[in-house]
Amino acid sequence: TSSSHFKLSGRNADFIKAKIYDSGDTLHMECYLKPVEGKPSEIYGLE
């Protein structure tokens, strides 16, 4: 379950954690992907 055993690619995938279930039959892994795209909204209320 340590990060060194996970090779993630695409969308800037970044390992968070993993957990094994069912005596090794199942694995749940979590990771982050590339932050949400977009740009800040326009600024108003200038005075």
All heavy atoms as atom14 arrays in JSON, in Angstrom:
{
  "sequence": "TSSSHFKLSGRNADFIKAKIYDSGDTLHMECYLKPVEGKPSEIYGLE",
  "atom14_mask": [
    [1, 1, 1, 1, 1, 1, 1, 0, 0, 0, 0, 0, 0, 0],
    [1, 1, 1, 1, 1, 1, 0, 0, 0, 0, 0, 0, 0, 0],
    [1, 1, 1, 1, 1, 1, 0, 0, 0, 0, 0, 0, 0, 0],
    [1, 1, 1, 1, 1, 1, 0, 0, 0, 0, 0, 0, 0, 0],
    [1, 1, 1, 1, 1, 1, 1, 1, 1, 1, 0, 0, 0, 0],
    [1, 1, 1, 1, 1, 1, 1, 1, 1, 1, 1, 0, 0, 0],
    [1, 1, 1, 1, 1, 1, 1, 1, 1, 0, 0, 0, 0, 0],
    [1, 1, 1, 1, 1, 1, 1, 1, 0, 0, 0, 0, 0, 0],
    [1, 1, 1, 1, 1, 1, 0, 0, 0, 0, 0, 0, 0, 0],
    [1, 1, 1, 1, 0, 0, 0, 0, 0, 0, 0, 0, 0, 0],
    [1, 1, 1, 1, 1, 1, 1, 1, 1, 1, 1, 0, 0, 0],
    [1, 1, 1, 1, 1, 1, 1, 1, 0, 0, 0, 0, 0, 0],
    [1, 1, 1, 1, 1, 0, 0, 0, 0, 0, 0, 0, 0, 0],
    [1, 1, 1, 1, 1, 1, 1, 1, 0, 0, 0, 0, 0, 0],
    [1, 1, 1, 1, 1, 1, 1, 1, 1, 1, 1, 0, 0, 0],
    [1, 1, 1, 1, 1, 1, 1, 1, 0, 0, 0, 0, 0, 0],
    [1, 1, 1, 1, 1, 1, 1, 1, 1, 0, 0, 0, 0, 0],
    [1, 1, 1, 1, 1, 0, 0, 0, 0, 0, 0, 0, 0, 0],
    [1, 1, 1, 1, 1, 1, 1, 1, 1, 0, 0, 0, 0, 0],
    [1, 1, 1, 1, 1, 1, 1, 1, 0, 0, 0, 0, 0, 0],
    [1, 1, 1, 1, 1, 1, 1, 1, 1, 1, 1, 1, 0, 0],
    [1, 1, 1, 1, 1, 1, 1, 1, 0, 0, 0, 0, 0, 0],
    [1, 1, 1, 1, 1, 1, 0, 0, 0, 0, 0, 0, 0, 0],
    [1, 1, 1, 1, 0, 0, 0, 0, 0, 0, 0, 0, 0, 0],
    [1, 1, 1, 1, 1, 1, 1, 1, 0, 0, 0, 0, 0, 0],
    [1, 1, 1, 1, 1, 1, 1, 0, 0, 0, 0, 0, 0, 0],
    [1, 1, 1, 1, 1, 1, 1, 1, 0, 0, 0, 0, 0, 0],
    [1, 1, 1, 1, 1, 1, 1, 1, 1, 1, 0, 0, 0, 0],
    [1, 1, 1, 1, 1, 1, 1, 1, 0, 0, 0, 0, 0, 0],
    [1, 1, 1, 1, 1, 1, 1, 1, 1, 0, 0, 0, 0, 0],
    [1, 1, 1, 1, 1, 1, 0, 0, 0, 0, 0, 0, 0, 0],
    [1, 1, 1, 1, 1, 1, 1, 1, 1, 1, 1, 1, 0, 0],
    [1, 1, 1, 1, 1, 1, 1, 1, 0, 0, 0, 0, 0, 0],
    [1, 1, 1, 1, 1, 1, 1, 1, 1, 0, 0, 0, 0, 0],
    [1, 1, 1, 1, 1, 1, 1, 0, 0, 0, 0, 0, 0, 0],
    [1, 1, 1, 1, 1, 1, 1, 0, 0, 0, 0, 0, 0, 0],
    [1, 1, 1, 1, 1, 1, 1, 1, 1, 0, 0, 0, 0, 0],
    [1, 1, 1, 1, 0, 0, 0, 0, 0, 0, 0, 0, 0, 0],
    [1, 1, 1, 1, 1, 1, 1, 1, 1, 0, 0, 0, 0, 0],
    [1, 1, 1, 1, 1, 1, 1, 0, 0, 0, 0, 0, 0, 0],
    [1, 1, 1, 1, 1, 1, 0, 0, 0, 0, 0, 0, 0, 0],
    [1, 1, 1, 1, 1, 1, 1, 1, 1, 0, 0, 0, 0, 0],
    [1, 1, 1, 1, 1, 1, 1, 1, 0, 0, 0, 0, 0, 0],
    [1, 1, 1, 1, 1, 1, 1, 1, 1, 1, 1, 1, 0, 0],
    [1, 1, 1, 1, 0, 0, 0, 0, 0, 0, 0, 0, 0, 0],
    [1, 1, 1, 1, 1, 1, 1, 1, 0, 0, 0, 0, 0, 0],
    [1, 1, 1, 1, 1, 1, 1, 1, 1, 0, 0, 0, 0, 0]
  ],
  "atom14_positions": [
    [[0.81, -1.21, 0.0], [0.0, 0.0, 0.0], [0.84, 1.27, 0.0], [0.3, 2.37, 0.04], [-0.94, 0.04, 1.22], [-0.16, -0.04, 2.42], [-1.95, -1.11, 1.16], [0.0, 0.0, 0.0], [0.0, 0.0, 0.0], [0.0, 0.0, 0.0], [0.0, 0.0, 0.0], [0.0, 0.0, 0.0], [0.0, 0.0, 0.0], [0.0, 0.0, 0.0]],
    [[2.16, 1.14, -0.03], [3.01, 2.32, -0.03], [3.12, 2.89, -1.44], [2.98, 2.19, -2.44], [4.4, 1.99, 0.52], [5.03, 0.99, -0.27], [0.0, 0.0, 0.0], [0.0, 0.0, 0.0], [0.0, 0.0, 0.0], [0.0, 0.0, 0.0], [0.0, 0.0, 0.0], [0.0, 0.0, 0.0], [0.0, 0.0, 0.0], [0.0, 0.0, 0.0]],
    [[3.39, 4.19, -1.54], [3.37, 4.9, -2.81], [4.38, 4.37, -3.82], [4.16, 4.47, -5.03], [3.63, 6.39, -2.57], [4.91, 6.61, -2.0], [0.0, 0.0, 0.0], [0.0, 0.0, 0.0], [0.0, 0.0, 0.0], [0.0, 0.0, 0.0], [0.0, 0.0, 0.0], [0.0, 0.0, 0.0], [0.0, 0.0, 0.0], [0.0, 0.0, 0.0]],
    [[5.5, 3.78, -3.33], [6.54, 3.3, -4.24], [6.06, 2.15, -5.12], [6.69, 1.84, -6.13], [7.77, 2.87, -3.44], [7.44, 1.83, -2.52], [0.0, 0.0, 0.0], [0.0, 0.0, 0.0], [0.0, 0.0, 0.0], [0.0, 0.0, 0.0], [0.0, 0.0, 0.0], [0.0, 0.0, 0.0], [0.0, 0.0, 0.0], [0.0, 0.0, 0.0]],
    [[4.94, 1.51, -4.77], [4.41, 0.38, -5.53], [3.3, 0.79, -6.5], [2.66, -0.06, -7.1], [3.91, -0.7, -4.59], [5.0, -1.38, -3.81], [5.69, -2.47, -4.28], [5.53, -1.09, -2.6], [6.59, -2.83, -3.39], [6.52, -2.0, -2.35], [0.0, 0.0, 0.0], [0.0, 0.0, 0.0], [0.0, 0.0, 0.0], [0.0, 0.0, 0.0]],
    [[3.09, 2.12, -6.65], [2.04, 2.61, -7.54], [2.65, 3.54, -8.58], [3.32, 4.52, -8.24], [0.95, 3.32, -6.75], [0.15, 2.4, -5.87], [0.63, 2.02, -4.63], [-1.05, 1.89, -6.29], [-0.08, 1.15, -3.82], [-1.79, 1.03, -5.48], [-1.29, 0.66, -4.25], [0.0, 0.0, 0.0], [0.0, 0.0, 0.0], [0.0, 0.0, 0.0]],
    [[2.44, 3.22, -9.84], [2.92, 4.03, -10.95], [1.69, 4.61, -11.67], [1.0, 3.91, -12.4], [3.77, 3.2, -11.92], [4.92, 2.44, -11.25], [5.92, 3.38, -10.6], [7.07, 2.59, -9.97], [8.0, 3.49, -9.22], [0.0, 0.0, 0.0], [0.0, 0.0, 0.0], [0.0, 0.0, 0.0], [0.0, 0.0, 0.0], [0.0, 0.0, 0.0]],
    [[1.43, 5.88, -11.43], [0.25, 6.53, -11.96], [0.64, 7.53, -13.04], [1.62, 8.26, -12.89], [-0.52, 7.24, -10.84], [-0.8, 6.42, -9.57], [-1.58, 7.25, -8.56], [-1.57, 5.14, -9.9], [0.0, 0.0, 0.0], [0.0, 0.0, 0.0], [0.0, 0.0, 0.0], [0.0, 0.0, 0.0], [0.0, 0.0, 0.0], [0.0, 0.0, 0.0]],
    [[-0.12, 7.56, -14.1], [0.17, 8.47, -15.19], [-1.14, 9.07, -15.71], [-2.23, 8.56, -15.46], [0.91, 7.76, -16.32], [0.14, 6.69, -16.85], [0.0, 0.0, 0.0], [0.0, 0.0, 0.0], [0.0, 0.0, 0.0], [0.0, 0.0, 0.0], [0.0, 0.0, 0.0], [0.0, 0.0, 0.0], [0.0, 0.0, 0.0], [0.0, 0.0, 0.0]],
    [[-1.01, 10.17, -16.42], [-2.18, 10.84, -16.98], [-2.81, 11.81, -16.01], [-3.02, 11.49, -14.84], [0.0, 0.0, 0.0], [0.0, 0.0, 0.0], [0.0, 0.0, 0.0], [0.0, 0.0, 0.0], [0.0, 0.0, 0.0], [0.0, 0.0, 0.0], [0.0, 0.0, 0.0], [0.0, 0.0, 0.0], [0.0, 0.0, 0.0], [0.0, 0.0, 0.0]],
    [[-3.1, 13.0, -16.45], [-3.81, 14.03, -15.69], [-3.13, 14.38, -14.38], [-3.78, 14.67, -13.38], [-5.27, 13.61, -15.43], [-6.03, 13.16, -16.66], [-5.94, 14.19, -17.76], [-6.6, 13.73, -18.98], [-6.55, 14.36, -20.14], [-5.81, 15.45, -20.26], [-7.19, 13.88, -21.18], [0.0, 0.0, 0.0], [0.0, 0.0, 0.0], [0.0, 0.0, 0.0]],
    [[-1.8, 14.3, -14.39], [-1.02, 14.65, -13.2], [-1.44, 13.87, -11.96], [-1.5, 14.39, -10.84], [-1.1, 16.15, -12.9], [-0.47, 17.01, -13.95], [-0.11, 16.55, -15.01], [-0.3, 18.28, -13.66], [0.0, 0.0, 0.0], [0.0, 0.0, 0.0], [0.0, 0.0, 0.0], [0.0, 0.0, 0.0], [0.0, 0.0, 0.0], [0.0, 0.0, 0.0]],
    [[-1.76, 12.59, -12.14], [-2.21, 11.76, -11.03], [-1.17, 11.7, -9.92], [0.02, 11.51, -10.19], [-2.54, 10.35, -11.52], [0.0, 0.0, 0.0], [0.0, 0.0, 0.0], [0.0, 0.0, 0.0], [0.0, 0.0, 0.0], [0.0, 0.0, 0.0], [0.0, 0.0, 0.0], [0.0, 0.0, 0.0], [0.0, 0.0, 0.0], [0.0, 0.0, 0.0]],
    [[-1.63, 11.86, -8.68], [-0.75, 11.91, -7.52], [-1.31, 11.0, -6.42], [-2.4, 11.25, -5.89], [-0.63, 13.35, -7.02], [0.39, 13.52, -5.91], [1.23, 12.63, -5.72], [0.35, 14.56, -5.21], [0.0, 0.0, 0.0], [0.0, 0.0, 0.0], [0.0, 0.0, 0.0], [0.0, 0.0, 0.0], [0.0, 0.0, 0.0], [0.0, 0.0, 0.0]],
    [[-0.58, 9.95, -6.09], [-1.02, 8.96, -5.11], [-1.29, 9.58, -3.74], [-0.53, 10.42, -3.26], [0.06, 7.88, -4.99], [-0.23, 6.82, -3.95], [-1.0, 5.7, -4.27], [0.27, 6.93, -2.67], [-1.27, 4.73, -3.32], [0.01, 5.96, -1.72], [-0.75, 4.85, -2.05], [0.0, 0.0, 0.0], [0.0, 0.0, 0.0], [0.0, 0.0, 0.0]],
    [[-2.41, 9.16, -3.1], [-2.73, 9.59, -1.74], [-2.56, 8.43, -0.77], [-1.74, 8.48, 0.14], [-4.17, 10.13, -1.65], [-4.41, 11.29, -2.61], [-4.48, 10.56, -0.22], [-5.86, 11.75, -2.67], [0.0, 0.0, 0.0], [0.0, 0.0, 0.0], [0.0, 0.0, 0.0], [0.0, 0.0, 0.0], [0.0, 0.0, 0.0], [0.0, 0.0, 0.0]],
    [[-3.35, 7.35, -0.96], [-3.29, 6.21, -0.07], [-3.93, 5.01, -0.73], [-4.63, 5.13, -1.74], [-3.98, 6.5, 1.27], [-5.48, 6.75, 1.15], [-6.1, 7.04, 2.5], [-7.61, 7.28, 2.39], [-8.22, 7.57, 3.71], [0.0, 0.0, 0.0], [0.0, 0.0, 0.0], [0.0, 0.0, 0.0], [0.0, 0.0, 0.0], [0.0, 0.0, 0.0]],
    [[-3.71, 3.83, -0.14], [-4.33, 2.6, -0.62], [-4.62, 1.7, 0.57], [-3.94, 1.78, 1.6], [-3.42, 1.88, -1.62], [0.0, 0.0, 0.0], [0.0, 0.0, 0.0], [0.0, 0.0, 0.0], [0.0, 0.0, 0.0], [0.0, 0.0, 0.0], [0.0, 0.0, 0.0], [0.0, 0.0, 0.0], [0.0, 0.0, 0.0], [0.0, 0.0, 0.0]],
    [[-5.64, 0.84, 0.42], [-6.01, -0.09, 1.48], [-6.43, -1.41, 0.85], [-7.11, -1.43, -0.17], [-7.13, 0.48, 2.34], [-7.4, -0.33, 3.61], [-8.39, 0.39, 4.52], [-8.6, -0.38, 5.82], [-9.55, 0.34, 6.73], [0.0, 0.0, 0.0], [0.0, 0.0, 0.0], [0.0, 0.0, 0.0], [0.0, 0.0, 0.0], [0.0, 0.0, 0.0]],
    [[-6.01, -2.5, 1.48], [-6.27, -3.84, 0.96], [-7.43, -4.46, 1.71], [-7.54, -4.34, 2.93], [-5.01, -4.71, 1.08], [-3.9, -4.15, 0.17], [-5.31, -6.16, 0.72], [-2.56, -4.82, 0.39], [0.0, 0.0, 0.0], [0.0, 0.0, 0.0], [0.0, 0.0, 0.0], [0.0, 0.0, 0.0], [0.0, 0.0, 0.0], [0.0, 0.0, 0.0]],
    [[-8.31, -5.15, 0.97], [-9.46, -5.84, 1.55], [-9.49, -7.29, 1.06], [-8.8, -7.66, 0.09], [-10.77, -5.14, 1.15], [-10.9, -3.73, 1.65], [-10.44, -2.66, 0.89], [-11.5, -3.46, 2.87], [-10.56, -1.35, 1.34], [-11.65, -2.15, 3.33], [-11.17, -1.11, 2.56], [-11.31, 0.18, 3.0], [0.0, 0.0, 0.0], [0.0, 0.0, 0.0]],
    [[-10.3, -8.09, 1.74], [-10.57, -9.48, 1.32], [-9.29, -10.29, 1.15], [-9.1, -10.99, 0.14], [-11.38, -9.5, 0.02], [-12.68, -8.71, 0.09], [-13.28, -8.71, 1.18], [-13.07, -8.11, -0.93], [0.0, 0.0, 0.0], [0.0, 0.0, 0.0], [0.0, 0.0, 0.0], [0.0, 0.0, 0.0], [0.0, 0.0, 0.0], [0.0, 0.0, 0.0]],
    [[-8.39, -10.17, 2.14], [-7.15, -10.96, 2.16], [-6.31, -10.76, 0.9], [-5.68, -11.68, 0.39], [-7.46, -12.44, 2.36], [-8.15, -12.67, 3.58], [0.0, 0.0, 0.0], [0.0, 0.0, 0.0], [0.0, 0.0, 0.0], [0.0, 0.0, 0.0], [0.0, 0.0, 0.0], [0.0, 0.0, 0.0], [0.0, 0.0, 0.0], [0.0, 0.0, 0.0]],
    [[-6.34, -9.55, 0.39], [-5.51, -9.23, -0.77], [-6.23, -9.32, -2.09], [-5.64, -9.05, -3.14], [0.0, 0.0, 0.0], [0.0, 0.0, 0.0], [0.0, 0.0, 0.0], [0.0, 0.0, 0.0], [0.0, 0.0, 0.0], [0.0, 0.0, 0.0], [0.0, 0.0, 0.0], [0.0, 0.0, 0.0], [0.0, 0.0, 0.0], [0.0, 0.0, 0.0]],
    [[-7.51, -9.7, -2.05], [-8.26, -9.86, -3.29], [-8.69, -8.53, -3.9], [-8.84, -8.4, -5.11], [-9.5, -10.73, -3.05], [-10.21, -11.1, -4.34], [-9.55, -11.71, -5.2], [-11.4, -10.79, -4.47], [0.0, 0.0, 0.0], [0.0, 0.0, 0.0], [0.0, 0.0, 0.0], [0.0, 0.0, 0.0], [0.0, 0.0, 0.0], [0.0, 0.0, 0.0]],
    [[-8.88, -7.52, -3.04], [-9.37, -6.22, -3.48], [-8.49, -5.11, -2.92], [-8.0, -5.21, -1.79], [-10.83, -6.0, -3.02], [-11.63, -7.09, -3.47], [-11.38, -4.69, -3.58], [0.0, 0.0, 0.0], [0.0, 0.0, 0.0], [0.0, 0.0, 0.0], [0.0, 0.0, 0.0], [0.0, 0.0, 0.0], [0.0, 0.0, 0.0], [0.0, 0.0, 0.0]],
    [[-8.31, -4.07, -3.72], [-7.54, -2.91, -3.27], [-8.29, -1.64, -3.63], [-8.79, -1.49, -4.75], [-6.14, -2.89, -3.91], [-5.22, -1.74, -3.5], [-3.8, -2.22, -3.3], [-5.23, -0.63, -4.54], [0.0, 0.0, 0.0], [0.0, 0.0, 0.0], [0.0, 0.0, 0.0], [0.0, 0.0, 0.0], [0.0, 0.0, 0.0], [0.0, 0.0, 0.0]],
    [[-8.4, -0.73, -2.66], [-8.97, 0.59, -2.88], [-7.83, 1.61, -2.84], [-7.07, 1.67, -1.87], [-10.0, 0.94, -1.8], [-11.24, 0.11, -1.87], [-12.46, 0.53, -1.38], [-11.47, -1.13, -2.36], [-13.37, -0.42, -1.55], [-12.79, -1.43, -2.15], [0.0, 0.0, 0.0], [0.0, 0.0, 0.0], [0.0, 0.0, 0.0], [0.0, 0.0, 0.0]],
    [[-7.73, 2.38, -3.88], [-6.68, 3.39, -3.94], [-7.28, 4.76, -4.22], [-8.25, 4.89, -4.97], [-5.68, 3.05, -5.07], [-4.46, 3.97, -5.11], [-3.83, 4.25, -6.77], [-5.14, 5.22, -7.49], [0.0, 0.0, 0.0], [0.0, 0.0, 0.0], [0.0, 0.0, 0.0], [0.0, 0.0, 0.0], [0.0, 0.0, 0.0], [0.0, 0.0, 0.0]],
    [[-6.71, 5.8, -3.57], [-7.14, 7.17, -3.8], [-5.98, 7.99, -4.35], [-4.82, 7.79, -3.97], [-7.67, 7.8, -2.51], [-8.94, 7.15, -1.99], [-9.45, 7.78, -0.71], [-8.92, 8.86, -0.32], [-10.35, 7.19, -0.07], [0.0, 0.0, 0.0], [0.0, 0.0, 0.0], [0.0, 0.0, 0.0], [0.0, 0.0, 0.0], [0.0, 0.0, 0.0]],
    [[-6.31, 8.91, -5.24], [-5.29, 9.8, -5.79], [-5.93, 11.13, -6.18], [-7.15, 11.24, -6.32], [-4.61, 9.16, -7.01], [-5.69, 8.94, -8.45], [0.0, 0.0, 0.0], [0.0, 0.0, 0.0], [0.0, 0.0, 0.0], [0.0, 0.0, 0.0], [0.0, 0.0, 0.0], [0.0, 0.0, 0.0], [0.0, 0.0, 0.0], [0.0, 0.0, 0.0]],
    [[-5.08, 12.13, -6.32], [-5.5, 13.43, -6.84], [-5.19, 13.51, -8.32], [-4.23, 12.91, -8.81], [-4.78, 14.58, -6.13], [-5.23, 14.84, -4.71], [-4.33, 14.77, -3.65], [-6.54, 15.19, -4.43], [-4.72, 15.02, -2.35], [-6.95, 15.44, -3.13], [-6.04, 15.36, -2.1], [-6.44, 15.62, -0.82], [0.0, 0.0, 0.0], [0.0, 0.0, 0.0]],
    [[-6.03, 14.26, -9.05], [-5.74, 14.57, -10.44], [-5.47, 16.06, -10.59], [-5.53, 16.83, -9.64], [-6.92, 14.15, -11.34], [-7.29, 12.67, -11.35], [-8.36, 12.41, -12.4], [-6.08, 11.78, -11.59], [0.0, 0.0, 0.0], [0.0, 0.0, 0.0], [0.0, 0.0, 0.0], [0.0, 0.0, 0.0], [0.0, 0.0, 0.0], [0.0, 0.0, 0.0]],
    [[-5.16, 16.46, -11.78], [-4.83, 17.85, -12.1], [-5.92, 18.79, -11.59], [-7.1, 18.53, -11.76], [-4.69, 17.99, -13.61], [-4.25, 19.35, -14.11], [-4.09, 19.32, -15.62], [-3.62, 20.66, -16.16], [-3.48, 20.64, -17.64], [0.0, 0.0, 0.0], [0.0, 0.0, 0.0], [0.0, 0.0, 0.0], [0.0, 0.0, 0.0], [0.0, 0.0, 0.0]],
    [[-5.53, 19.89, -10.89], [-6.53, 20.82, -10.37], [-7.48, 21.32, -11.44], [-7.16, 21.35, -12.64], [-5.67, 21.97, -9.81], [-4.37, 21.32, -9.45], [-4.16, 20.26, -10.52], [0.0, 0.0, 0.0], [0.0, 0.0, 0.0], [0.0, 0.0, 0.0], [0.0, 0.0, 0.0], [0.0, 0.0, 0.0], [0.0, 0.0, 0.0], [0.0, 0.0, 0.0]],
    [[-8.65, 21.69, -10.98], [-9.72, 22.13, -11.87], [-9.28, 23.29, -12.75], [-8.66, 24.25, -12.28], [-10.97, 22.52, -11.05], [-12.02, 23.18, -11.93], [-11.54, 21.29, -10.36], [0.0, 0.0, 0.0], [0.0, 0.0, 0.0], [0.0, 0.0, 0.0], [0.0, 0.0, 0.0], [0.0, 0.0, 0.0], [0.0, 0.0, 0.0], [0.0, 0.0, 0.0]],
    [[-9.59, 23.18, -14.03], [-9.23, 24.21, -14.98], [-10.22, 25.37, -14.92], [-11.32, 25.27, -14.4], [-9.18, 23.64, -16.4], [-8.1, 22.57, -16.59], [-8.06, 22.06, -18.01], [-8.92, 22.47, -18.82], [-7.17, 21.25, -18.31], [0.0, 0.0, 0.0], [0.0, 0.0, 0.0], [0.0, 0.0, 0.0], [0.0, 0.0, 0.0], [0.0, 0.0, 0.0]],
    [[-9.8, 26.46, -15.52], [-10.62, 27.66, -15.55], [-9.8, 28.87, -15.17], [-8.6, 28.79, -14.95], [0.0, 0.0, 0.0], [0.0, 0.0, 0.0], [0.0, 0.0, 0.0], [0.0, 0.0, 0.0], [0.0, 0.0, 0.0], [0.0, 0.0, 0.0], [0.0, 0.0, 0.0], [0.0, 0.0, 0.0], [0.0, 0.0, 0.0], [0.0, 0.0, 0.0]],
    [[-10.4, 29.98, -15.08], [-9.73, 31.19, -14.69], [-10.62, 31.99, -13.74], [-11.85, 31.82, -13.75], [-9.34, 32.03, -15.9], [-10.5, 32.49, -16.76], [-9.99, 33.27, -17.97], [-11.13, 33.75, -18.86], [-10.62, 34.5, -20.04], [0.0, 0.0, 0.0], [0.0, 0.0, 0.0], [0.0, 0.0, 0.0], [0.0, 0.0, 0.0], [0.0, 0.0, 0.0]],
    [[-10.02, 32.83, -12.91], [-10.82, 33.61, -11.97], [-11.84, 34.48, -12.69], [-11.64, 34.91, -13.82], [-9.77, 34.46, -11.24], [-8.47, 33.75, -11.44], [-8.57, 33.1, -12.79], [0.0, 0.0, 0.0], [0.0, 0.0, 0.0], [0.0, 0.0, 0.0], [0.0, 0.0, 0.0], [0.0, 0.0, 0.0], [0.0, 0.0, 0.0], [0.0, 0.0, 0.0]],
    [[-12.95, 34.7, -12.0], [-14.0, 35.54, -12.57], [-13.56, 37.01, -12.59], [-12.63, 37.41, -11.89], [-15.29, 35.38, -11.77], [-15.07, 35.72, -10.41], [0.0, 0.0, 0.0], [0.0, 0.0, 0.0], [0.0, 0.0, 0.0], [0.0, 0.0, 0.0], [0.0, 0.0, 0.0], [0.0, 0.0, 0.0], [0.0, 0.0, 0.0], [0.0, 0.0, 0.0]],
    [[-14.23, 37.79, -13.41], [-13.93, 39.21, -13.52], [-14.26, 39.93, -12.22], [-15.19, 39.56, -11.5], [-14.7, 39.82, -14.69], [-14.33, 41.26, -15.01], [-15.0, 41.78, -16.26], [-15.49, 40.94, -17.05], [-15.09, 43.02, -16.43], [0.0, 0.0, 0.0], [0.0, 0.0, 0.0], [0.0, 0.0, 0.0], [0.0, 0.0, 0.0], [0.0, 0.0, 0.0]],
    [[-13.52, 40.97, -11.93], [-13.68, 41.73, -10.69], [-14.59, 42.94, -10.94], [-14.47, 43.63, -11.96], [-12.31, 42.21, -10.16], [-11.38, 41.0, -9.94], [-12.48, 42.99, -8.87], [-11.92, 39.98, -8.97], [0.0, 0.0, 0.0], [0.0, 0.0, 0.0], [0.0, 0.0, 0.0], [0.0, 0.0, 0.0], [0.0, 0.0, 0.0], [0.0, 0.0, 0.0]],
    [[-15.48, 43.2, -9.97], [-16.42, 44.3, -10.08], [-16.33, 45.19, -8.84], [-15.54, 44.94, -7.93], [-17.86, 43.78, -10.24], [-18.06, 42.92, -11.47], [-18.0, 41.53, -11.39], [-18.3, 43.5, -12.7], [-18.18, 40.74, -12.51], [-18.49, 42.72, -13.84], [-18.42, 41.34, -13.74], [-18.61, 40.57, -14.86], [0.0, 0.0, 0.0], [0.0, 0.0, 0.0]],
    [[-17.16, 46.21, -8.81], [-17.25, 47.08, -7.65], [-16.08, 48.03, -7.48], [-15.72, 48.38, -6.36], [0.0, 0.0, 0.0], [0.0, 0.0, 0.0], [0.0, 0.0, 0.0], [0.0, 0.0, 0.0], [0.0, 0.0, 0.0], [0.0, 0.0, 0.0], [0.0, 0.0, 0.0], [0.0, 0.0, 0.0], [0.0, 0.0, 0.0], [0.0, 0.0, 0.0]],
    [[-15.46, 48.47, -8.59], [-14.31, 49.38, -8.52], [-14.75, 50.77, -8.11], [-15.72, 51.32, -8.65], [-13.59, 49.44, -9.87], [-12.63, 48.3, -10.21], [-13.36, 46.98, -10.36], [-11.84, 48.63, -11.48], [0.0, 0.0, 0.0], [0.0, 0.0, 0.0], [0.0, 0.0, 0.0], [0.0, 0.0, 0.0], [0.0, 0.0, 0.0], [0.0, 0.0, 0.0]],
    [[-14.03, 51.35, -7.15], [-14.33, 52.71, -6.71], [-13.09, 53.32, -6.07], [-12.16, 52.62, -5.65], [-15.5, 52.73, -5.72], [-15.25, 51.97, -4.44], [-16.43, 52.02, -3.49], [-17.48, 52.47, -3.89], [-16.28, 51.58, -2.32], [0.0, 0.0, 0.0], [0.0, 0.0, 0.0], [0.0, 0.0, 0.0], [0.0, 0.0, 0.0], [0.0, 0.0, 0.0]]
  ]
}
